[in-house]
């Protein structure tokens, strides 16, 4: 198996970007804009932007306050890490005792009972589950076969498990921490000029930033502090809304209703009282379909009901792992850029863009789904079709948000009408070929030739899906007249298939 290597960024480029975007010309709005067009990685500031979006570094505070807060959080992690080390030593002694040759049956029974009543027993089981899950995470990447790195990830998850006994570690959290790890890793370097940060603070507690940009960069990206920063970022994103996706239930009906109201996008579209107590994740999945999809596309909602499609099966995976398993790694980063850059980060943040992206994924292929039975829909949604540009999905989610605002104001949403009818009415939205436009004499010949192209018969359901998907891609760029003939061919195949 050829493992994929994750390369470090060029340190000088990172320091230059840090100087330009963070020290000289810091703007939260600018970071938001870069996140929405997928350029945080190209600008070498993705990790700093994520820390700001997650509120690890308070967006509206000075760089001095950032230094102060990060120092405090790193010290806090060291205390938690020391506490964890003591527990690890306890586990080690337990294993040593367990492996001793005990012959007395009574002693074995006493030993078994003491383990079951041991307060550390559940933590030990959690540690086993964490390590098991990490052994299955990103196995195509060379980094995740490195024992030192696996130990860092394991410690971070285990410490979070111990500090959150109300929930503890759950499967899927390994995906979340791994994406954060892969975001931070390329930007961290050995701090060769390690000096006390206080030594560069000048008069009135201000840092001479531009003169010390390299020192500041290495403070925020010190390889020795990588594990601390990984835990800090993971803990913050869990607090910002991800933790609720793993909770089992609510303490009361009132708390469940409060949670659901935060997720509501349409007024009077969901009866809170009728919903039985359930996990936050199941409720969120149900609201995505019963409240949001029902209002946005009743025809598709009704189709899902008719074929008995349980949407929670694919939605749970999409939401819990924040689309980590649906797209390639570079695409996942761009989706995360948009998800965690939501302006709601400072006001009851619940990662609402996750819902918008999930809806966008469904609506984007709605004309295929409407032709499919239950098994075919599952195939499409659990093995989501490739997207030519992931930014298309981000733009789609933005347009969807605008459509929701229009609907709430009692307006028609032309965007949604276009999504539903894009193939039927595609002639009205055709983009003319520049060459044809510049050569009017050949226009009619070109169009006739294009329409007369031979359309090959479809041999399988998968081929039909792929070819219809290609037409959708063209809808966003350049379409040919022959697409009409191809679409009719595909439609006939689906009708026969059904």
Foldseek 3Di string as FASTA:
>chain_A
DQADEQAADDQVLLLVLCCVDPPPPDDLVVLLVCLLVLCCVVSNNLLVNLCCLLCCQPRPDDVLVNLVSLVVLLVVVVVLLVVVVVLVVVVVVLVVVVPDDDDDPVVVVVNVVCLVPPPCNVLVVLLVVLLVLLVVPSPSHPQSVDPVSSVLLSSLLSSVQVVCVQFGDDPLLSLVLVLSLSSLVSQADAQPVDDPPVVQQDPPRHGPCPVCSSVSSNSVRHPVSSSSVSSSSSVSVCVQALVQLRFWWDPDLVVVVVLVVVLALAPPQDDSVPDDTGRSNLSNQCCLLRRPCCVLPVLLSVLCVVLVADRSVLSSNCRNSVCSPADDSSLSSSSVSNQSSPPCSPPSRNSNLSSLLLVLLCLLLVVVSSLDHRVVNCVCRNRPDDDPDSSVSSVSSVLSSVCSVQVNVVHHRPVSVCSVCCLVPVVVVADDDPVCVVPVVCNVVQQVVQLPDDDDADDDPVSLSVLVVVVSNCSVPHDHNNVNVNVVRSVVVSVVVD
